[in-house]
Amino acid sequence: MNENLPLSEAVFFILFSLLPGPKHGYAIMKDVETSSDGRVCLSTGTLYGALKRLLEDGWIERMDIEGEQSARQRKAYALTRLGRSVLEAEAARMKNLVTLMQQRAPEGNAI
């Protein structure tokens, strides 16, 4: 799993966006922007390029949105078990970095 780490900020936030459940592309874009406090603003091309790679890597899967009754049914994306494992590994890696920084900081200079 560690060979996939560290994740780019964009990939991290895309996977993070899908943690609660499936979303369609526009909802992912908006959630990434909100969750990152505006630091990560994905263009449509960047988002769908990343989604294509995540699909190929098996980290996410495409699914139809239930209840959508339109001529052009929107696709939703969901985390796979592998994608969840990658996201959990990245969270553990970041937590370890924070712990290391806290241990190294001089007393009274908490980070």
PDB file of N, CA and C in Angstrom:
ATOM      1  N   MET A   1       0.818  -1.201   0.000  1.00  0.00           N
ATOM      2  CA  MET A   1       0.000   0.000   0.000  1.00  0.00           C
ATOM      3  C   MET A   1       0.861   1.264   0.000  1.00  0.00           C
ATOM      4  N   ASN A   2       2.006   1.228   0.674  1.00  0.00           N
ATOM      5  CA  ASN A   2       2.849   2.410   0.789  1.00  0.00           C
ATOM      6  C   ASN A   2       3.422   2.878  -0.539  1.00  0.00           C
ATOM      7  N   GLU A   3       3.459   2.015  -1.542  1.00  0.00           N
ATOM      8  CA  GLU A   3       3.981   2.432  -2.841  1.00  0.00           C
ATOM      9  C   GLU A   3       3.071   3.462  -3.502  1.00  0.00           C
ATOM     10  N   ASN A   4       1.826   3.596  -3.020  1.00  0.00           N
ATOM     11  CA  ASN A   4       0.876   4.566  -3.565  1.00  0.00           C
ATOM     12  C   ASN A   4       0.948   5.919  -2.864  1.00  0.00           C
ATOM     13  N   LEU A   5       1.774   5.992  -1.833  1.00  0.00           N
ATOM     14  CA  LEU A   5       1.810   7.191  -1.008  1.00  0.00           C
ATOM     15  C   LEU A   5       3.089   7.981  -1.247  1.00  0.00           C
ATOM     16  N   PRO A   6       3.089   9.273  -1.039  1.00  0.00           N
ATOM     17  CA  PRO A   6       1.957  10.080  -0.614  1.00  0.00           C
ATOM     18  C   PRO A   6       1.022  10.372  -1.783  1.00  0.00           C
ATOM     19  N   LEU A   7      -0.225  10.628  -1.447  1.00  0.00           N
ATOM     20  CA  LEU A   7      -1.209  11.017  -2.463  1.00  0.00           C
ATOM     21  C   LEU A   7      -1.047  12.493  -2.774  1.00  0.00           C
ATOM     22  N   SER A   8      -1.358  12.858  -3.990  1.00  0.00           N
ATOM     23  CA  SER A   8      -1.416  14.290  -4.294  1.00  0.00           C
ATOM     24  C   SER A   8      -2.596  14.869  -3.518  1.00  0.00           C
ATOM     25  N   GLU A   9      -2.552  16.155  -3.285  1.00  0.00           N
ATOM     26  CA  GLU A   9      -3.633  16.798  -2.544  1.00  0.00           C
ATOM     27  C   GLU A   9      -4.973  16.615  -3.262  1.00  0.00           C
ATOM     28  N   ALA A  10      -4.960  16.729  -4.587  1.00  0.00           N
ATOM     29  CA  ALA A  10      -6.205  16.574  -5.351  1.00  0.00           C
ATOM     30  C   ALA A  10      -6.771  15.164  -5.197  1.00  0.00           C
ATOM     31  N   VAL A  11      -5.927  14.149  -5.332  1.00  0.00           N
ATOM     32  CA  VAL A  11      -6.390  12.767  -5.201  1.00  0.00           C
ATOM     33  C   VAL A  11      -6.883  12.506  -3.782  1.00  0.00           C
ATOM     34  N   PHE A  12      -6.148  12.998  -2.788  1.00  0.00           N
ATOM     35  CA  PHE A  12      -6.592  12.828  -1.410  1.00  0.00           C
ATOM     36  C   PHE A  12      -7.999  13.383  -1.229  1.00  0.00           C
ATOM     37  N   PHE A  13      -8.238  14.606  -1.686  1.00  0.00           N
ATOM     38  CA  PHE A  13      -9.542  15.228  -1.479  1.00  0.00           C
ATOM     39  C   PHE A  13     -10.640  14.578  -2.317  1.00  0.00           C
ATOM     40  N   ILE A  14     -10.313  14.037  -3.483  1.00  0.00           N
ATOM     41  CA  ILE A  14     -11.322  13.303  -4.263  1.00  0.00           C
ATOM     42  C   ILE A  14     -11.748  12.054  -3.498  1.00  0.00           C
ATOM     43  N   LEU A  15     -10.780  11.278  -3.027  1.00  0.00           N
ATOM     44  CA  LEU A  15     -11.109  10.078  -2.253  1.00  0.00           C
ATOM     45  C   LEU A  15     -11.839  10.447  -0.967  1.00  0.00           C
ATOM     46  N   PHE A  16     -11.385  11.486  -0.298  1.00  0.00           N
ATOM     47  CA  PHE A  16     -12.014  11.966   0.932  1.00  0.00           C
ATOM     48  C   PHE A  16     -13.467  12.364   0.677  1.00  0.00           C
ATOM     49  N   SER A  17     -13.718  12.979  -0.469  1.00  0.00           N
ATOM     50  CA  SER A  17     -15.069  13.387  -0.835  1.00  0.00           C
ATOM     51  C   SER A  17     -16.011  12.192  -0.949  1.00  0.00           C
ATOM     52  N   LEU A  18     -15.464  11.059  -1.381  1.00  0.00           N
ATOM     53  CA  LEU A  18     -16.287   9.860  -1.587  1.00  0.00           C
ATOM     54  C   LEU A  18     -16.426   9.009  -0.329  1.00  0.00           C
ATOM     55  N   LEU A  19     -15.749   9.377   0.745  1.00  0.00           N
ATOM     56  CA  LEU A  19     -15.789   8.583   1.977  1.00  0.00           C
ATOM     57  C   LEU A  19     -17.212   8.395   2.515  1.00  0.00           C
ATOM     58  N   PRO A  20     -18.051   9.430   2.559  1.00  0.00           N
ATOM     59  CA  PRO A  20     -19.409   9.228   3.089  1.00  0.00           C
ATOM     60  C   PRO A  20     -20.325   8.423   2.153  1.00  0.00           C
ATOM     61  N   GLY A  21     -20.012   8.416   0.861  1.00  0.00           N
ATOM     62  CA  GLY A  21     -20.846   7.690  -0.089  1.00  0.00           C
ATOM     63  C   GLY A  21     -20.663   8.223  -1.497  1.00  0.00           C
ATOM     64  N   PRO A  22     -21.338   7.599  -2.471  1.00  0.00           N
ATOM     65  CA  PRO A  22     -21.181   7.973  -3.880  1.00  0.00           C
ATOM     66  C   PRO A  22     -21.582   9.421  -4.165  1.00  0.00           C
ATOM     67  N   LYS A  23     -20.891  10.002  -5.143  1.00  0.00           N
ATOM     68  CA  LYS A  23     -21.205  11.355  -5.609  1.00  0.00           C
ATOM     69  C   LYS A  23     -20.969  11.417  -7.115  1.00  0.00           C
ATOM     70  N   HIS A  24     -21.672  12.326  -7.768  1.00  0.00           N
ATOM     71  CA  HIS A  24     -21.400  12.575  -9.182  1.00  0.00           C
ATOM     72  C   HIS A  24     -20.303  13.637  -9.288  1.00  0.00           C
ATOM     73  N   GLY A  25     -19.783  13.803 -10.485  1.00  0.00           N
ATOM     74  CA  GLY A  25     -18.617  14.654 -10.694  1.00  0.00           C
ATOM     75  C   GLY A  25     -18.734  16.059 -10.156  1.00  0.00           C
ATOM     76  N   TYR A  26     -19.844  16.736 -10.437  1.00  0.00           N
ATOM     77  CA  TYR A  26     -19.999  18.120  -9.980  1.00  0.00           C
ATOM     78  C   TYR A  26     -20.007  18.193  -8.456  1.00  0.00           C
ATOM     79  N   ALA A  27     -20.652  17.240  -7.797  1.00  0.00           N
ATOM     80  CA  ALA A  27     -20.691  17.216  -6.328  1.00  0.00           C
ATOM     81  C   ALA A  27     -19.292  16.984  -5.766  1.00  0.00           C
ATOM     82  N   ILE A  28     -18.499  16.150  -6.437  1.00  0.00           N
ATOM     83  CA  ILE A  28     -17.114  15.927  -6.002  1.00  0.00           C
ATOM     84  C   ILE A  28     -16.330  17.234  -6.107  1.00  0.00           C
ATOM     85  N   MET A  29     -16.460  17.925  -7.244  1.00  0.00           N
ATOM     86  CA  MET A  29     -15.743  19.196  -7.436  1.00  0.00           C
ATOM     87  C   MET A  29     -16.070  20.184  -6.330  1.00  0.00           C
ATOM     88  N   LYS A  30     -17.346  20.338  -6.012  1.00  0.00           N
ATOM     89  CA  LYS A  30     -17.775  21.293  -4.993  1.00  0.00           C
ATOM     90  C   LYS A  30     -17.303  20.864  -3.604  1.00  0.00           C
ATOM     91  N   ASP A  31     -17.402  19.566  -3.309  1.00  0.00           N
ATOM     92  CA  ASP A  31     -16.986  19.072  -1.998  1.00  0.00           C
ATOM     93  C   ASP A  31     -15.481  19.223  -1.801  1.00  0.00           C
ATOM     94  N   VAL A  32     -14.699  18.957  -2.841  1.00  0.00           N
ATOM     95  CA  VAL A  32     -13.243  19.115  -2.759  1.00  0.00           C
ATOM     96  C   VAL A  32     -12.899  20.572  -2.462  1.00  0.00           C
ATOM     97  N   GLU A  33     -13.543  21.484  -3.158  1.00  0.00           N
ATOM     98  CA  GLU A  33     -13.269  22.909  -2.936  1.00  0.00           C
ATOM     99  C   GLU A  33     -13.628  23.316  -1.505  1.00  0.00           C
ATOM    100  N   THR A  34     -14.773  22.863  -1.023  1.00  0.00           N
ATOM    101  CA  THR A  34     -15.210  23.192   0.335  1.00  0.00           C
ATOM    102  C   THR A  34     -14.310  22.547   1.381  1.00  0.00           C
ATOM    103  N   SER A  35     -14.038  21.260   1.227  1.00  0.00           N
ATOM    104  CA  SER A  35     -13.233  20.523   2.209  1.00  0.00           C
ATOM    105  C   SER A  35     -11.803  21.051   2.303  1.00  0.00           C
ATOM    106  N   SER A  36     -11.282  21.554   1.204  1.00  0.00           N
ATOM    107  CA  SER A  36      -9.906  22.056   1.189  1.00  0.00           C
ATOM    108  C   SER A  36      -9.837  23.549   1.500  1.00  0.00           C
ATOM    109  N   ASP A  37     -10.951  24.122   1.941  1.00  0.00           N
ATOM    110  CA  ASP A  37     -11.019  25.565   2.214  1.00  0.00           C
ATOM    111  C   ASP A  37     -10.601  26.391   1.003  1.00  0.00           C
ATOM    112  N   GLY A  38     -10.950  25.902  -0.184  1.00  0.00           N
ATOM    113  CA  GLY A  38     -10.690  26.638  -1.411  1.00  0.00           C
ATOM    114  C   GLY A  38      -9.298  26.459  -1.992  1.00  0.00           C
ATOM    115  N   ARG A  39      -8.426  25.677  -1.327  1.00  0.00           N
ATOM    116  CA  ARG A  39      -7.062  25.466  -1.835  1.00  0.00           C
ATOM    117  C   ARG A  39      -7.050  24.616  -3.088  1.00  0.00           C
ATOM    118  N   VAL A  40      -7.977  23.656  -3.180  1.00  0.00           N
ATOM    119  CA  VAL A  40      -8.011  22.753  -4.335  1.00  0.00           C
ATOM    120  C   VAL A  40      -9.292  23.023  -5.110  1.00  0.00           C
ATOM    121  N   CYS A  41      -9.141  23.623  -6.281  1.00  0.00           N
ATOM    122  CA  CYS A  41     -10.268  23.898  -7.167  1.00  0.00           C
ATOM    123  C   CYS A  41     -10.008  23.125  -8.456  1.00  0.00           C
ATOM    124  N   LEU A  42     -10.756  22.066  -8.649  1.00  0.00           N
ATOM    125  CA  LEU A  42     -10.533  21.185  -9.793  1.00  0.00           C
ATOM    126  C   LEU A  42     -11.287  21.669 -11.014  1.00  0.00           C
ATOM    127  N   SER A  43     -10.597  21.744 -12.137  1.00  0.00           N
ATOM    128  CA  SER A  43     -11.294  21.996 -13.391  1.00  0.00           C
ATOM    129  C   SER A  43     -11.969  20.689 -13.807  1.00  0.00           C
ATOM    130  N   THR A  44     -12.902  20.774 -14.706  1.00  0.00           N
ATOM    131  CA  THR A  44     -13.591  19.576 -15.176  1.00  0.00           C
ATOM    132  C   THR A  44     -12.602  18.583 -15.769  1.00  0.00           C
ATOM    133  N   GLY A  45     -11.657  19.078 -16.578  1.00  0.00           N
ATOM    134  CA  GLY A  45     -10.673  18.201 -17.204  1.00  0.00           C
ATOM    135  C   GLY A  45      -9.783  17.506 -16.190  1.00  0.00           C
ATOM    136  N   THR A  46      -9.346  18.257 -15.178  1.00  0.00           N
ATOM    137  CA  THR A  46      -8.508  17.671 -14.130  1.00  0.00           C
ATOM    138  C   THR A  46      -9.276  16.620 -13.351  1.00  0.00           C
ATOM    139  N   LEU A  47     -10.524  16.940 -12.975  1.00  0.00           N
ATOM    140  CA  LEU A  47     -11.331  15.990 -12.208  1.00  0.00           C
ATOM    141  C   LEU A  47     -11.546  14.700 -12.985  1.00  0.00           C
ATOM    142  N   TYR A  48     -11.998  14.805 -14.227  1.00  0.00           N
ATOM    143  CA  TYR A  48     -12.316  13.587 -14.971  1.00  0.00           C
ATOM    144  C   TYR A  48     -11.066  12.812 -15.378  1.00  0.00           C
ATOM    145  N   GLY A  49      -9.936  13.496 -15.537  1.00  0.00           N
ATOM    146  CA  GLY A  49      -8.676  12.791 -15.752  1.00  0.00           C
ATOM    147  C   GLY A  49      -8.283  11.995 -14.521  1.00  0.00           C
ATOM    148  N   ALA A  50      -8.447  12.608 -13.343  1.00  0.00           N
ATOM    149  CA  ALA A  50      -8.142  11.907 -12.090  1.00  0.00           C
ATOM    150  C   ALA A  50      -9.108  10.762 -11.862  1.00  0.00           C
ATOM    151  N   LEU A  51     -10.392  10.980 -12.125  1.00  0.00           N
ATOM    152  CA  LEU A  51     -11.378   9.907 -11.956  1.00  0.00           C
ATOM    153  C   LEU A  51     -11.069   8.731 -12.875  1.00  0.00           C
ATOM    154  N   LYS A  52     -10.651   9.015 -14.098  1.00  0.00           N
ATOM    155  CA  LYS A  52     -10.306   7.940 -15.033  1.00  0.00           C
ATOM    156  C   LYS A  52      -9.152   7.103 -14.476  1.00  0.00           C
ATOM    157  N   ARG A  53      -8.131   7.765 -13.953  1.00  0.00           N
ATOM    158  CA  ARG A  53      -6.982   7.044 -13.398  1.00  0.00           C
ATOM    159  C   ARG A  53      -7.373   6.259 -12.149  1.00  0.00           C
ATOM    160  N   LEU A  54      -8.214   6.854 -11.295  1.00  0.00           N
ATOM    161  CA  LEU A  54      -8.663   6.164 -10.087  1.00  0.00           C
ATOM    162  C   LEU A  54      -9.521   4.942 -10.426  1.00  0.00           C
ATOM    163  N   LEU A  55     -10.312   5.054 -11.499  1.00  0.00           N
ATOM    164  CA  LEU A  55     -11.086   3.898 -11.981  1.00  0.00           C
ATOM    165  C   LEU A  55     -10.143   2.799 -12.466  1.00  0.00           C
ATOM    166  N   GLU A  56      -9.143   3.188 -13.253  1.00  0.00           N
ATOM    167  CA  GLU A  56      -8.179   2.215 -13.789  1.00  0.00           C
ATOM    168  C   GLU A  56      -7.391   1.530 -12.671  1.00  0.00           C
ATOM    169  N   ASP A  57      -7.084   2.275 -11.614  1.00  0.00           N
ATOM    170  CA  ASP A  57      -6.325   1.722 -10.486  1.00  0.00           C
ATOM    171  C   ASP A  57      -7.204   0.889  -9.548  1.00  0.00           C
ATOM    172  N   GLY A  58      -8.524   0.962  -9.744  1.00  0.00           N
ATOM    173  CA  GLY A  58      -9.441   0.193  -8.901  1.00  0.00           C
ATOM    174  C   GLY A  58      -9.718   0.834  -7.551  1.00  0.00           C
ATOM    175  N   TRP A  59      -9.435   2.121  -7.417  1.00  0.00           N
ATOM    176  CA  TRP A  59      -9.657   2.820  -6.152  1.00  0.00           C
ATOM    177  C   TRP A  59     -11.085   3.323  -6.031  1.00  0.00           C
ATOM    178  N   ILE A  60     -11.741   3.532  -7.175  1.00  0.00           N
ATOM    179  CA  ILE A  60     -13.141   3.940  -7.198  1.00  0.00           C
ATOM    180  C   ILE A  60     -13.863   3.095  -8.233  1.00  0.00           C
ATOM    181  N   GLU A  61     -15.195   3.125  -8.176  1.00  0.00           N
ATOM    182  CA  GLU A  61     -16.013   2.450  -9.174  1.00  0.00           C
ATOM    183  C   GLU A  61     -17.121   3.392  -9.617  1.00  0.00           C
ATOM    184  N   ARG A  62     -17.595   3.183 -10.832  1.00  0.00           N
ATOM    185  CA  ARG A  62     -18.666   3.996 -11.395  1.00  0.00           C
ATOM    186  C   ARG A  62     -19.986   3.276 -11.144  1.00  0.00           C
ATOM    187  N   MET A  63     -21.012   4.052 -10.840  1.00  0.00           N
ATOM    188  CA  MET A  63     -22.332   3.475 -10.644  1.00  0.00           C
ATOM    189  C   MET A  63     -23.398   4.456 -11.098  1.00  0.00           C
ATOM    190  N   ASP A  64     -24.563   3.930 -11.434  1.00  0.00           N
ATOM    191  CA  ASP A  64     -25.686   4.788 -11.786  1.00  0.00           C
ATOM    192  C   ASP A  64     -26.290   5.351 -10.505  1.00  0.00           C
ATOM    193  N   ILE A  65     -26.761   6.596 -10.580  1.00  0.00           N
ATOM    194  CA  ILE A  65     -27.434   7.201  -9.439  1.00  0.00           C
ATOM    195  C   ILE A  65     -28.874   6.727  -9.449  1.00  0.00           C
ATOM    196  N   GLU A  66     -29.276   6.097  -8.368  1.00  0.00           N
ATOM    197  CA  GLU A  66     -30.651   5.612  -8.277  1.00  0.00           C
ATOM    198  C   GLU A  66     -31.617   6.783  -8.246  1.00  0.00           C
ATOM    199  N   GLY A  67     -32.737   6.602  -8.913  1.00  0.00           N
ATOM    200  CA  GLY A  67     -33.766   7.627  -8.908  1.00  0.00           C
ATOM    201  C   GLY A  67     -33.586   8.690  -9.966  1.00  0.00           C
ATOM    202  N   GLU A  68     -32.481   8.686 -10.676  1.00  0.00           N
ATOM    203  CA  GLU A  68     -32.271   9.670 -11.737  1.00  0.00           C
ATOM    204  C   GLU A  68     -33.100   9.252 -12.952  1.00  0.00           C
ATOM    205  N   GLN A  69     -34.052  10.060 -13.319  1.00  0.00           N
ATOM    206  CA  GLN A  69     -34.920   9.764 -14.455  1.00  0.00           C
ATOM    207  C   GLN A  69     -34.719  10.837 -15.517  1.00  0.00           C
ATOM    208  N   SER A  70     -33.668  10.695 -16.273  1.00  0.00           N
ATOM    209  CA  SER A  70     -33.425  11.647 -17.347  1.00  0.00           C
ATOM    210  C   SER A  70     -32.889  10.901 -18.551  1.00  0.00           C
ATOM    211  N   ALA A  71     -32.905  11.570 -19.689  1.00  0.00           N
ATOM    212  CA  ALA A  71     -32.415  10.943 -20.912  1.00  0.00           C
ATOM    213  C   ALA A  71     -30.924  10.615 -20.777  1.00  0.00           C
ATOM    214  N   ARG A  72     -30.208  11.459 -20.064  1.00  0.00           N
ATOM    215  CA  ARG A  72     -28.780  11.244 -19.851  1.00  0.00           C
ATOM    216  C   ARG A  72     -28.540  11.001 -18.370  1.00  0.00           C
ATOM    217  N   GLN A  73     -28.502   9.746 -18.002  1.00  0.00           N
ATOM    218  CA  GLN A  73     -28.340   9.391 -16.597  1.00  0.00           C
ATOM    219  C   GLN A  73     -26.930   9.741 -16.126  1.00  0.00           C
ATOM    220  N   ARG A  74     -26.835  10.457 -15.014  1.00  0.00           N
ATOM    221  CA  ARG A  74     -25.531  10.840 -14.479  1.00  0.00           C
ATOM    222  C   ARG A  74     -24.884   9.651 -13.793  1.00  0.00           C
ATOM    223  N   LYS A  75     -23.576   9.625 -13.880  1.00  0.00           N
ATOM    224  CA  LYS A  75     -22.805   8.574 -13.225  1.00  0.00           C
ATOM    225  C   LYS A  75     -22.312   9.091 -11.889  1.00  0.00           C
ATOM    226  N   ALA A  76     -22.309   8.205 -10.935  1.00  0.00           N
ATOM    227  CA  ALA A  76     -21.743   8.522  -9.627  1.00  0.00           C
ATOM    228  C   ALA A  76     -20.484   7.689  -9.453  1.00  0.00           C
ATOM    229  N   TYR A  77     -19.663   8.109  -8.546  1.00  0.00           N
ATOM    230  CA  TYR A  77     -18.421   7.409  -8.254  1.00  0.00           C
ATOM    231  C   TYR A  77     -18.417   7.068  -6.771  1.00  0.00           C
ATOM    232  N   ALA A  78     -17.890   5.888  -6.458  1.00  0.00           N
ATOM    233  CA  ALA A  78     -17.844   5.422  -5.075  1.00  0.00           C
ATOM    234  C   ALA A  78     -16.471   4.821  -4.799  1.00  0.00           C
ATOM    235  N   LEU A  79     -16.042   4.907  -3.548  1.00  0.00           N
ATOM    236  CA  LEU A  79     -14.797   4.266  -3.131  1.00  0.00           C
ATOM    237  C   LEU A  79     -14.944   2.748  -3.199  1.00  0.00           C
ATOM    238  N   THR A  80     -13.901   2.084  -3.626  1.00  0.00           N
ATOM    239  CA  THR A  80     -13.842   0.627  -3.520  1.00  0.00           C
ATOM    240  C   THR A  80     -13.149   0.297  -2.201  1.00  0.00           C
ATOM    241  N   ARG A  81     -13.109  -0.955  -1.866  1.00  0.00           N
ATOM    242  CA  ARG A  81     -12.396  -1.388  -0.661  1.00  0.00           C
ATOM    243  C   ARG A  81     -10.923  -0.974  -0.748  1.00  0.00           C
ATOM    244  N   LEU A  82     -10.339  -1.144  -1.940  1.00  0.00           N
ATOM    245  CA  LEU A  82      -8.942  -0.757  -2.144  1.00  0.00           C
ATOM    246  C   LEU A  82      -8.770   0.750  -1.969  1.00  0.00           C
ATOM    247  N   GLY A  83      -9.672   1.535  -2.536  1.00  0.00           N
ATOM    248  CA  GLY A  83      -9.600   2.992  -2.399  1.00  0.00           C
ATOM    249  C   GLY A  83      -9.699   3.438  -0.960  1.00  0.00           C
ATOM    250  N   ARG A  84     -10.573   2.795  -0.196  1.00  0.00           N
ATOM    251  CA  ARG A  84     -10.705   3.113   1.231  1.00  0.00           C
ATOM    252  C   ARG A  84      -9.404   2.772   1.964  1.00  0.00           C
ATOM    253  N   SER A  85      -8.788   1.651   1.606  1.00  0.00           N
ATOM    254  CA  SER A  85      -7.523   1.247   2.236  1.00  0.00           C
ATOM    255  C   SER A  85      -6.415   2.248   1.927  1.00  0.00           C
ATOM    256  N   VAL A  86      -6.364   2.721   0.691  1.00  0.00           N
ATOM    257  CA  VAL A  86      -5.361   3.719   0.306  1.00  0.00           C
ATOM    258  C   VAL A  86      -5.580   5.006   1.100  1.00  0.00           C
ATOM    259  N   LEU A  87      -6.832   5.442   1.216  1.00  0.00           N
ATOM    260  CA  LEU A  87      -7.144   6.659   1.966  1.00  0.00           C
ATOM    261  C   LEU A  87      -6.786   6.495   3.444  1.00  0.00           C
ATOM    262  N   GLU A  88      -7.086   5.340   4.010  1.00  0.00           N
ATOM    263  CA  GLU A  88      -6.728   5.078   5.413  1.00  0.00           C
ATOM    264  C   GLU A  88      -5.211   5.068   5.600  1.00  0.00           C
ATOM    265  N   ALA A  89      -4.482   4.499   4.650  1.00  0.00           N
ATOM    266  CA  ALA A  89      -3.018   4.476   4.735  1.00  0.00           C
ATOM    267  C   ALA A  89      -2.453   5.887   4.664  1.00  0.00           C
ATOM    268  N   GLU A  90      -3.030   6.732   3.827  1.00  0.00           N
ATOM    269  CA  GLU A  90      -2.572   8.124   3.728  1.00  0.00           C
ATOM    270  C   GLU A  90      -2.871   8.868   5.018  1.00  0.00           C
ATOM    271  N   ALA A  91      -4.036   8.645   5.610  1.00  0.00           N
ATOM    272  CA  ALA A  91      -4.378   9.295   6.881  1.00  0.00           C
ATOM    273  C   ALA A  91      -3.396   8.862   7.979  1.00  0.00           C
ATOM    274  N   ALA A  92      -3.047   7.581   8.011  1.00  0.00           N
ATOM    275  CA  ALA A  92      -2.086   7.080   9.001  1.00  0.00           C
ATOM    276  C   ALA A  92      -0.708   7.708   8.774  1.00  0.00           C
ATOM    277  N   ARG A  93      -0.311   7.851   7.514  1.00  0.00           N
ATOM    278  CA  ARG A  93       0.980   8.461   7.184  1.00  0.00           C
ATOM    279  C   ARG A  93       1.021   9.912   7.678  1.00  0.00           C
ATOM    280  N   MET A  94      -0.066  10.648   7.424  1.00  0.00           N
ATOM    281  CA  MET A  94      -0.119  12.046   7.856  1.00  0.00           C
ATOM    282  C   MET A  94      -0.137  12.148   9.384  1.00  0.00           C
ATOM    283  N   LYS A  95      -0.866  11.260  10.031  1.00  0.00           N
ATOM    284  CA  LYS A  95      -0.913  11.254  11.497  1.00  0.00           C
ATOM    285  C   LYS A  95       0.483  11.002  12.073  1.00  0.00           C
ATOM    286  N   ASN A  96       1.222  10.081  11.461  1.00  0.00           N
ATOM    287  CA  ASN A  96       2.597   9.800  11.910  1.00  0.00           C
ATOM    288  C   ASN A  96       3.496  11.017  11.742  1.00  0.00           C
ATOM    289  N   LEU A  97       3.314  11.763  10.655  1.00  0.00           N
ATOM    290  CA  LEU A  97       4.104  12.978  10.448  1.00  0.00           C
ATOM    291  C   LEU A  97       3.815  14.018  11.520  1.00  0.00           C
ATOM    292  N   VAL A  98       2.546  14.180  11.848  1.00  0.00           N
ATOM    293  CA  VAL A  98       2.174  15.149  12.883  1.00  0.00           C
ATOM    294  C   VAL A  98       2.759  14.723  14.230  1.00  0.00           C
ATOM    295  N   THR A  99       2.677  13.443  14.552  1.00  0.00           N
ATOM    296  CA  THR A  99       3.243  12.932  15.801  1.00  0.00           C
ATOM    297  C   THR A  99       4.736  13.193  15.856  1.00  0.00           C
ATOM    298  N   LEU A 100       5.432  12.934  14.762  1.00  0.00           N
ATOM    299  CA  LEU A 100       6.873  13.174  14.697  1.00  0.00           C
ATOM    300  C   LEU A 100       7.198  14.647  14.943  1.00  0.00           C
ATOM    301  N   MET A 101       6.431  15.538  14.317  1.00  0.00           N
ATOM    302  CA  MET A 101       6.652  16.975  14.505  1.00  0.00           C
ATOM    303  C   MET A 101       6.414  17.374  15.950  1.00  0.00           C
ATOM    304  N   GLN A 102       5.375  16.843  16.556  1.00  0.00           N
ATOM    305  CA  GLN A 102       5.074  17.177  17.950  1.00  0.00           C
ATOM    306  C   GLN A 102       6.170  16.680  18.887  1.00  0.00           C
ATOM    307  N   GLN A 103       6.723  15.511  18.585  1.00  0.00           N
ATOM    308  CA  GLN A 103       7.805  14.966  19.406  1.00  0.00           C
ATOM    309  C   GLN A 103       9.090  15.777  19.266  1.00  0.00           C
ATOM    310  N   ARG A 104       9.315  16.339  18.114  1.00  0.00           N
ATOM    311  CA  ARG A 104      10.555  17.072  17.830  1.00  0.00           C
ATOM    312  C   ARG A 104      10.479  18.526  18.290  1.00  0.00           C
ATOM    313  N   ALA A 105       9.286  19.064  18.411  1.00  0.00           N
ATOM    314  CA  ALA A 105       9.139  20.484  18.788  1.00  0.00           C
ATOM    315  C   ALA A 105       9.636  20.699  20.208  1.00  0.00           C
ATOM    316  N   PRO A 106      10.365  21.804  20.434  1.00  0.00           N
ATOM    317  CA  PRO A 106      10.818  22.114  21.794  1.00  0.00           C
ATOM    318  C   PRO A 106       9.626  22.282  22.731  1.00  0.00           C
ATOM    319  N   GLU A 107       9.821  21.932  24.001  1.00  0.00           N
ATOM    320  CA  GLU A 107       8.740  22.079  24.978  1.00  0.00           C
ATOM    321  C   GLU A 107       8.234  23.517  24.988  1.00  0.00           C
ATOM    322  N   GLY A 108       6.934  23.639  25.111  1.00  0.00           N
ATOM    323  CA  GLY A 108       6.326  24.954  25.112  1.00  0.00           C
ATOM    324  C   GLY A 108       6.049  25.497  23.722  1.00  0.00           C
ATOM    325  N   ASN A 109       6.554  24.844  22.697  1.00  0.00           N
ATOM    326  CA  ASN A 109       6.314  25.261  21.311  1.00  0.00           C
ATOM    327  C   ASN A 109       5.499  24.201  20.590  1.00  0.00           C
ATOM    328  N   ALA A 110       4.363  23.876  21.132  1.00  0.00           N
ATOM    329  CA  ALA A 110       3.521  22.830  20.542  1.00  0.00           C
ATOM    330  C   ALA A 110       3.092  23.227  19.139  1.00  0.00           C
ATOM    331  N   ILE A 111       2.961  22.221  18.316  1.00  0.00           N
ATOM    332  CA  ILE A 111       2.528  22.437  16.930  1.00  0.00           C
ATOM    333  C   ILE A 111       1.104  21.975  16.803  1.00  0.00           C
TER     334      ILE A 111
END
